[in-house]
N, C-alpha and C. Protein backbone atom coordinates (compact mmCIF):
# COMPACT_ATOMS: atom_id res chain seq x y z
N MET A 1 -16.68 41.95 -81.28
CA MET A 1 -15.80 42.45 -80.43
C MET A 1 -14.98 41.38 -79.61
N LYS A 2 -13.98 41.20 -79.59
CA LYS A 2 -13.44 40.29 -78.98
C LYS A 2 -13.06 41.20 -77.26
N LYS A 3 -13.46 40.27 -76.05
CA LYS A 3 -13.43 40.61 -74.71
C LYS A 3 -12.05 40.81 -74.45
N ASP A 4 -11.67 40.72 -72.96
CA ASP A 4 -10.44 40.24 -72.41
C ASP A 4 -10.50 39.21 -71.55
N ILE A 5 -9.47 38.29 -70.88
CA ILE A 5 -9.76 37.30 -70.40
C ILE A 5 -9.85 38.08 -68.39
N ALA A 6 -10.89 37.54 -68.37
CA ALA A 6 -11.52 38.00 -67.23
C ALA A 6 -11.85 36.96 -66.00
N GLY A 7 -11.68 35.93 -66.28
CA GLY A 7 -12.28 34.89 -65.28
C GLY A 7 -11.66 33.45 -65.74
N ARG A 8 -12.05 32.78 -64.75
CA ARG A 8 -11.83 31.28 -64.94
C ARG A 8 -12.06 30.74 -66.21
N PRO A 9 -13.47 31.12 -67.01
CA PRO A 9 -14.19 30.55 -67.67
C PRO A 9 -13.19 30.88 -69.20
N ASP A 10 -12.84 31.91 -68.91
CA ASP A 10 -11.61 32.41 -69.99
C ASP A 10 -10.60 31.67 -70.13
N ILE A 11 -9.91 31.51 -68.96
CA ILE A 11 -8.69 31.13 -68.99
C ILE A 11 -8.96 29.13 -69.81
N GLU A 12 -10.30 28.51 -68.78
CA GLU A 12 -10.53 27.27 -69.27
C GLU A 12 -10.47 27.38 -71.02
N LEU A 13 -11.28 28.36 -71.58
CA LEU A 13 -11.36 28.41 -72.65
C LEU A 13 -10.19 28.79 -73.57
N LEU A 14 -9.27 29.50 -72.97
CA LEU A 14 -7.96 29.64 -73.78
C LEU A 14 -7.06 28.41 -73.33
N VAL A 15 -7.17 27.66 -72.74
CA VAL A 15 -6.41 26.45 -72.48
C VAL A 15 -6.56 25.34 -73.31
N ASN A 16 -8.15 25.18 -73.41
CA ASN A 16 -8.32 24.05 -73.99
C ASN A 16 -8.58 24.20 -75.58
N THR A 17 -8.35 25.33 -76.07
CA THR A 17 -8.38 25.69 -77.38
C THR A 17 -6.89 25.69 -77.71
N PHE A 18 -6.01 26.25 -76.82
CA PHE A 18 -4.57 26.18 -77.22
C PHE A 18 -4.18 24.66 -77.26
N TYR A 19 -4.42 23.84 -76.61
CA TYR A 19 -4.17 22.47 -76.24
C TYR A 19 -4.74 21.74 -77.08
N GLU A 20 -5.82 21.77 -77.75
CA GLU A 20 -6.63 21.21 -79.05
C GLU A 20 -5.23 21.30 -80.05
N LYS A 21 -4.94 22.47 -80.17
CA LYS A 21 -3.98 22.87 -81.18
C LYS A 21 -2.83 22.20 -81.31
N ILE A 22 -2.04 22.59 -79.71
CA ILE A 22 -1.17 21.38 -79.53
C ILE A 22 -0.81 20.03 -80.14
N ALA A 23 -2.07 19.14 -79.25
CA ALA A 23 -2.15 18.08 -79.51
C ALA A 23 -2.12 17.90 -81.43
N ALA A 24 -2.57 18.26 -81.85
CA ALA A 24 -2.99 18.05 -83.10
C ALA A 24 -1.90 18.99 -84.15
N ASP A 25 -0.99 19.24 -83.55
CA ASP A 25 0.30 20.06 -84.30
C ASP A 25 1.07 18.84 -84.50
N GLN A 26 1.78 19.28 -85.86
CA GLN A 26 2.68 18.10 -86.11
C GLN A 26 4.46 18.28 -85.60
N GLN A 27 4.39 19.19 -85.28
CA GLN A 27 5.81 19.47 -84.63
C GLN A 27 5.55 19.06 -82.88
N LEU A 28 4.47 19.35 -82.56
CA LEU A 28 4.62 19.08 -80.78
C LEU A 28 3.61 18.09 -80.47
N GLY A 29 2.81 17.56 -81.14
CA GLY A 29 1.46 17.11 -80.79
C GLY A 29 2.26 15.50 -80.65
N TYR A 30 3.21 14.82 -81.52
CA TYR A 30 3.70 13.78 -81.00
C TYR A 30 4.35 14.05 -79.16
N ILE A 31 5.15 14.85 -79.01
CA ILE A 31 5.53 15.24 -77.63
C ILE A 31 4.67 15.32 -76.72
N PHE A 32 3.60 15.55 -76.59
CA PHE A 32 2.76 15.36 -75.78
C PHE A 32 1.73 14.07 -75.68
N ASN A 33 1.24 13.77 -76.70
CA ASN A 33 0.32 12.66 -77.33
C ASN A 33 1.71 10.90 -77.08
N ASP A 34 2.42 11.30 -77.63
CA ASP A 34 3.44 9.78 -78.14
C ASP A 34 4.67 9.74 -76.59
N VAL A 35 4.98 11.12 -76.31
CA VAL A 35 6.42 10.79 -75.69
C VAL A 35 5.99 10.82 -74.03
N ALA A 36 5.33 11.94 -73.62
CA ALA A 36 4.81 12.32 -72.00
C ALA A 36 3.39 11.63 -72.11
N LYS A 37 2.77 11.31 -73.23
CA LYS A 37 1.66 10.79 -72.77
C LYS A 37 0.54 11.31 -71.74
N VAL A 38 0.82 12.49 -72.01
CA VAL A 38 -0.31 13.78 -71.38
C VAL A 38 -1.62 13.06 -71.23
N ASN A 39 -2.31 12.46 -69.82
CA ASN A 39 -3.43 12.23 -69.26
C ASN A 39 -4.65 13.71 -69.30
N TRP A 40 -5.49 14.58 -70.56
CA TRP A 40 -5.69 15.49 -70.45
C TRP A 40 -6.56 15.69 -69.60
N GLN A 41 -7.03 14.85 -68.88
CA GLN A 41 -8.13 14.81 -68.09
C GLN A 41 -7.26 15.50 -66.78
N ARG A 42 -6.40 15.49 -66.80
CA ARG A 42 -5.26 15.92 -65.34
C ARG A 42 -4.63 16.58 -65.61
N HIS A 43 -4.01 16.89 -66.98
CA HIS A 43 -2.91 17.96 -67.49
C HIS A 43 -3.70 19.35 -67.31
N LEU A 44 -4.94 19.19 -67.77
CA LEU A 44 -5.75 20.66 -68.22
C LEU A 44 -6.52 21.13 -67.18
N PRO A 45 -6.52 20.55 -66.21
CA PRO A 45 -7.06 20.99 -64.55
C PRO A 45 -6.01 22.11 -64.30
N VAL A 46 -4.80 21.51 -64.04
CA VAL A 46 -3.17 21.89 -63.99
C VAL A 46 -2.93 23.31 -64.53
N MET A 47 -3.04 23.03 -66.14
CA MET A 47 -2.86 24.17 -66.27
C MET A 47 -3.68 25.34 -66.41
N TYR A 48 -5.54 25.20 -66.40
CA TYR A 48 -6.12 26.05 -65.67
C TYR A 48 -5.60 27.07 -64.51
N ASP A 49 -4.96 26.23 -63.27
CA ASP A 49 -4.63 26.71 -62.30
C ASP A 49 -3.44 27.72 -62.36
N PHE A 50 -2.65 27.02 -63.65
CA PHE A 50 -1.22 28.16 -63.74
C PHE A 50 -1.62 28.75 -64.34
N TRP A 51 -2.69 29.09 -65.76
CA TRP A 51 -2.74 30.29 -65.92
C TRP A 51 -3.53 31.25 -65.51
N GLU A 52 -4.60 30.81 -64.72
CA GLU A 52 -5.03 31.39 -64.01
C GLU A 52 -4.22 32.09 -62.87
N ASN A 53 -3.13 31.56 -62.48
CA ASN A 53 -1.98 32.72 -61.45
C ASN A 53 -1.44 33.16 -62.35
N ILE A 54 -1.14 33.16 -63.32
CA ILE A 54 -0.02 34.02 -64.07
C ILE A 54 -0.93 35.13 -64.28
N ILE A 55 -1.92 34.96 -64.86
CA ILE A 55 -2.60 36.14 -65.50
C ILE A 55 -3.65 36.76 -64.55
N LEU A 56 -4.28 35.71 -63.67
CA LEU A 56 -4.84 36.87 -62.54
C LEU A 56 -4.61 36.85 -61.22
N PHE A 57 -3.61 36.13 -60.92
CA PHE A 57 -2.53 36.12 -59.65
C PHE A 57 -3.41 35.71 -58.70
N THR A 58 -4.39 34.39 -59.02
CA THR A 58 -5.06 33.95 -57.91
C THR A 58 -4.03 32.55 -56.80
N GLY A 59 -3.02 32.73 -57.29
CA GLY A 59 -2.52 31.66 -56.18
C GLY A 59 -2.57 30.19 -56.24
N SER A 60 -3.47 29.95 -57.37
CA SER A 60 -3.92 28.57 -57.52
C SER A 60 -3.12 27.38 -58.20
N TYR A 61 -2.02 27.89 -58.38
CA TYR A 61 -1.37 27.21 -58.86
C TYR A 61 -0.03 26.60 -58.19
N GLN A 62 0.27 25.12 -57.64
CA GLN A 62 1.42 24.80 -57.30
C GLN A 62 1.88 23.91 -58.17
N GLY A 63 3.17 24.04 -58.12
CA GLY A 63 4.00 23.16 -58.93
C GLY A 63 5.49 23.85 -59.52
N ASN A 64 6.02 22.74 -60.48
CA ASN A 64 7.71 23.36 -60.60
C ASN A 64 7.40 22.65 -62.61
N PRO A 65 6.89 23.75 -63.14
CA PRO A 65 6.93 23.63 -64.49
C PRO A 65 8.67 23.35 -65.18
N MET A 66 9.69 24.04 -64.34
CA MET A 66 10.96 23.53 -64.83
C MET A 66 11.27 22.01 -64.80
N ASN A 67 10.91 21.39 -63.59
CA ASN A 67 11.54 20.12 -63.51
C ASN A 67 10.88 19.19 -64.50
N LEU A 68 9.61 19.41 -64.98
CA LEU A 68 8.80 19.07 -65.69
C LEU A 68 9.30 18.83 -66.98
N HIS A 69 9.60 20.34 -67.66
CA HIS A 69 10.46 20.10 -69.02
C HIS A 69 11.60 19.68 -69.18
N GLN A 70 12.45 19.83 -67.64
CA GLN A 70 13.89 19.18 -67.86
C GLN A 70 13.55 17.55 -67.77
N HIS A 71 12.49 17.00 -67.17
CA HIS A 71 12.70 15.31 -67.42
C HIS A 71 11.65 15.02 -68.80
N LEU A 72 10.89 15.74 -69.30
CA LEU A 72 10.81 15.58 -70.59
C LEU A 72 12.16 15.94 -71.84
N HIS A 73 13.24 17.00 -71.34
CA HIS A 73 13.56 17.16 -72.32
C HIS A 73 15.03 15.70 -72.79
N HIS A 74 14.90 15.43 -71.01
CA HIS A 74 16.01 14.04 -71.44
C HIS A 74 15.44 13.08 -71.77
N ILE A 75 14.05 12.83 -72.00
CA ILE A 75 13.72 11.90 -72.86
C ILE A 75 13.55 12.00 -74.40
N ALA A 76 12.93 13.59 -74.38
CA ALA A 76 12.87 13.73 -76.23
C ALA A 76 13.68 15.07 -76.08
N PRO A 77 14.49 15.47 -76.65
CA PRO A 77 15.27 16.86 -76.65
C PRO A 77 14.47 17.68 -77.30
N LEU A 78 14.32 19.08 -76.52
CA LEU A 78 13.77 19.88 -76.97
C LEU A 78 14.29 21.01 -77.36
N ASP A 79 14.14 21.64 -78.63
CA ASP A 79 15.27 22.66 -79.43
C ASP A 79 14.51 23.73 -79.45
N ALA A 80 14.94 24.72 -79.95
CA ALA A 80 14.59 26.32 -80.21
C ALA A 80 13.14 26.41 -80.90
N SER A 81 13.37 25.08 -82.23
CA SER A 81 11.99 25.14 -82.97
C SER A 81 10.89 24.71 -81.97
N HIS A 82 11.36 24.01 -81.16
CA HIS A 82 9.64 23.48 -80.38
C HIS A 82 9.22 24.50 -79.55
N PHE A 83 10.15 25.08 -78.99
CA PHE A 83 9.58 26.55 -78.37
C PHE A 83 8.87 27.48 -79.41
N GLU A 84 9.56 27.94 -80.17
CA GLU A 84 8.86 28.84 -81.23
C GLU A 84 7.71 28.35 -81.68
N GLN A 85 7.36 26.81 -82.21
CA GLN A 85 6.18 26.94 -82.05
C GLN A 85 5.32 26.73 -81.16
N TRP A 86 5.16 26.43 -80.26
CA TRP A 86 4.98 26.45 -78.68
C TRP A 86 4.14 28.36 -79.20
N ASN A 87 5.25 28.65 -78.75
CA ASN A 87 4.91 30.48 -78.62
C ASN A 87 4.04 30.99 -79.61
N LYS A 88 4.16 30.18 -81.07
CA LYS A 88 3.18 31.22 -81.81
C LYS A 88 2.04 30.32 -81.82
N LEU A 89 1.70 28.98 -81.67
CA LEU A 89 0.49 28.31 -81.18
C LEU A 89 -0.41 29.51 -79.91
N PHE A 90 0.44 29.43 -79.14
CA PHE A 90 -0.05 30.18 -77.75
C PHE A 90 -0.26 31.63 -78.21
N ILE A 91 0.21 32.23 -78.92
CA ILE A 91 0.01 33.91 -78.98
C ILE A 91 -1.30 34.10 -80.05
N ALA A 92 -0.87 32.44 -81.01
CA ALA A 92 -2.52 32.63 -82.26
C ALA A 92 -3.67 32.77 -81.45
N THR A 93 -3.67 31.66 -80.36
CA THR A 93 -4.79 31.36 -79.69
C THR A 93 -5.23 32.25 -78.69
N VAL A 94 -4.13 33.18 -78.47
CA VAL A 94 -4.88 34.30 -77.44
C VAL A 94 -5.54 35.16 -78.41
N ASN A 95 -4.72 35.78 -79.75
CA ASN A 95 -5.52 36.69 -80.83
C ASN A 95 -6.77 36.16 -81.26
N GLU A 96 -6.72 34.82 -81.28
CA GLU A 96 -8.29 34.67 -82.00
C GLU A 96 -9.40 34.64 -80.66
N LEU A 97 -8.98 34.84 -79.64
CA LEU A 97 -9.89 34.79 -78.57
C LEU A 97 -10.37 35.93 -78.07
N PHE A 98 -9.20 36.44 -77.43
CA PHE A 98 -9.13 37.79 -76.48
C PHE A 98 -8.28 38.51 -77.23
N LYS A 99 -8.73 40.02 -76.67
CA LYS A 99 -8.07 41.09 -76.53
C LYS A 99 -8.40 42.09 -75.32
N GLY A 100 -7.09 42.73 -74.76
CA GLY A 100 -7.28 43.46 -73.63
C GLY A 100 -5.82 43.00 -72.88
N LYS A 101 -6.13 43.90 -71.64
CA LYS A 101 -4.37 44.04 -70.90
C LYS A 101 -4.04 42.57 -70.20
N ASN A 102 -5.35 42.36 -70.25
CA ASN A 102 -4.99 40.50 -69.47
C ASN A 102 -4.15 39.53 -71.08
N ALA A 103 -5.08 39.49 -71.96
CA ALA A 103 -4.31 39.13 -73.23
C ALA A 103 -3.06 39.13 -73.23
N GLU A 104 -2.66 40.47 -73.47
CA GLU A 104 -1.32 40.98 -73.77
C GLU A 104 -0.69 40.63 -72.73
N LEU A 105 -0.98 40.19 -71.26
CA LEU A 105 -0.25 39.99 -70.57
C LEU A 105 0.41 38.55 -70.37
N ALA A 106 -1.07 37.78 -70.79
CA ALA A 106 -1.01 36.71 -71.17
C ALA A 106 0.43 36.07 -72.10
N LYS A 107 0.09 36.51 -73.20
CA LYS A 107 1.10 36.58 -74.50
C LYS A 107 2.56 36.79 -74.08
N GLN A 108 2.82 38.32 -73.52
CA GLN A 108 4.13 38.32 -72.50
C GLN A 108 4.59 37.33 -71.67
N LYS A 109 3.73 36.96 -70.94
CA LYS A 109 3.94 36.11 -69.73
C LYS A 109 4.54 34.66 -70.94
N ALA A 110 3.71 34.06 -71.36
CA ALA A 110 3.94 33.21 -71.92
C ALA A 110 5.56 32.95 -72.78
N LEU A 111 5.70 34.42 -73.16
CA LEU A 111 7.15 34.22 -74.06
C LEU A 111 8.28 34.20 -73.35
N SER A 112 8.08 34.61 -71.93
CA SER A 112 9.02 34.81 -70.75
C SER A 112 9.14 33.73 -70.41
N ILE A 113 8.26 32.87 -69.89
CA ILE A 113 8.35 31.44 -69.73
C ILE A 113 9.14 31.00 -70.23
N SER A 114 8.51 30.58 -71.65
CA SER A 114 8.78 29.69 -72.59
C SER A 114 10.36 30.33 -72.71
N THR A 115 10.78 30.98 -73.02
CA THR A 115 12.77 31.64 -73.07
C THR A 115 13.18 31.26 -71.78
N ILE A 116 12.63 31.25 -70.38
CA ILE A 116 13.55 30.83 -69.47
C ILE A 116 13.62 29.55 -69.24
N ILE A 117 12.59 28.25 -70.17
CA ILE A 117 12.58 27.24 -69.42
C ILE A 117 13.42 26.65 -70.81
N LYS A 118 13.41 27.31 -71.88
CA LYS A 118 14.39 26.89 -72.85
C LYS A 118 15.90 27.26 -72.61
N GLU A 119 16.10 28.18 -71.86
CA GLU A 119 17.63 28.81 -71.42
C GLU A 119 17.86 27.64 -70.53
N LYS A 120 17.43 27.17 -69.44
CA LYS A 120 17.69 26.49 -68.64
C LYS A 120 18.15 25.06 -69.13
N ILE A 121 16.77 24.66 -69.95
CA ILE A 121 17.21 23.21 -70.78
C ILE A 121 18.34 23.37 -71.63
N SER A 122 18.62 24.57 -72.02
CA SER A 122 20.00 24.46 -72.80
C SER A 122 21.13 24.24 -71.82
N PHE A 123 21.02 25.49 -70.96
CA PHE A 123 22.31 25.18 -70.02
C PHE A 123 22.68 23.81 -69.55
N SER A 124 21.10 23.16 -68.91
CA SER A 124 21.42 21.89 -68.52
C SER A 124 22.44 21.19 -69.49
N ARG A 125 22.25 20.79 -70.47
CA ARG A 125 22.52 20.06 -72.03
C ARG A 125 23.92 20.24 -71.77
N ARG A 126 24.42 21.90 -71.99
CA ARG A 126 25.61 22.35 -72.24
C ARG A 126 26.31 21.47 -71.09
N ASP A 127 26.20 21.60 -69.70
CA ASP A 127 26.84 21.09 -68.91
C ASP A 127 27.13 19.59 -68.76
N ASN A 128 25.61 18.83 -69.19
CA ASN A 128 25.80 17.79 -69.01
C ASN A 128 26.73 17.11 -70.14
N GLU A 129 26.93 17.91 -71.31
CA GLU A 129 28.00 17.47 -72.39
C GLU A 129 29.51 17.70 -71.69
N ARG A 130 29.47 18.80 -70.94
CA ARG A 130 30.92 19.38 -70.17
C ARG A 130 31.36 18.12 -69.45
N SER A 131 30.57 17.31 -68.63
CA SER A 131 30.86 16.25 -67.81
C SER A 131 31.20 15.03 -68.44
N TYR A 132 31.37 15.16 -69.95
CA TYR A 132 31.52 13.70 -70.33
C TYR A 132 33.18 13.81 -70.78
């Protein structure tokens, strides 16, 4: 029987498993590996802090994911399909590993965060197009 997300080890398992899928994904892998050239040794601990804060309210994350995604969007335009695939992989990973209140919260927060980022990127692109 699956358990709920209860602490840092669970967060690390979730993040590691999820980003293994991302790195291997045909649609998203190139963005992380070739465009952003993610340093996984640095990125993963930041993501542990981010998700630990989101799910367990630890206050361990300091950063601005919106700025990073806007910068990435200017290098390699992101569209709705990228966010849909990210959501699909994240939710599948949570469902594969966990079940419970925190697992549901993780999925809900992931969908909310990705929607906000997608909308802000979309608005910034429209604003830029209007300025020409």
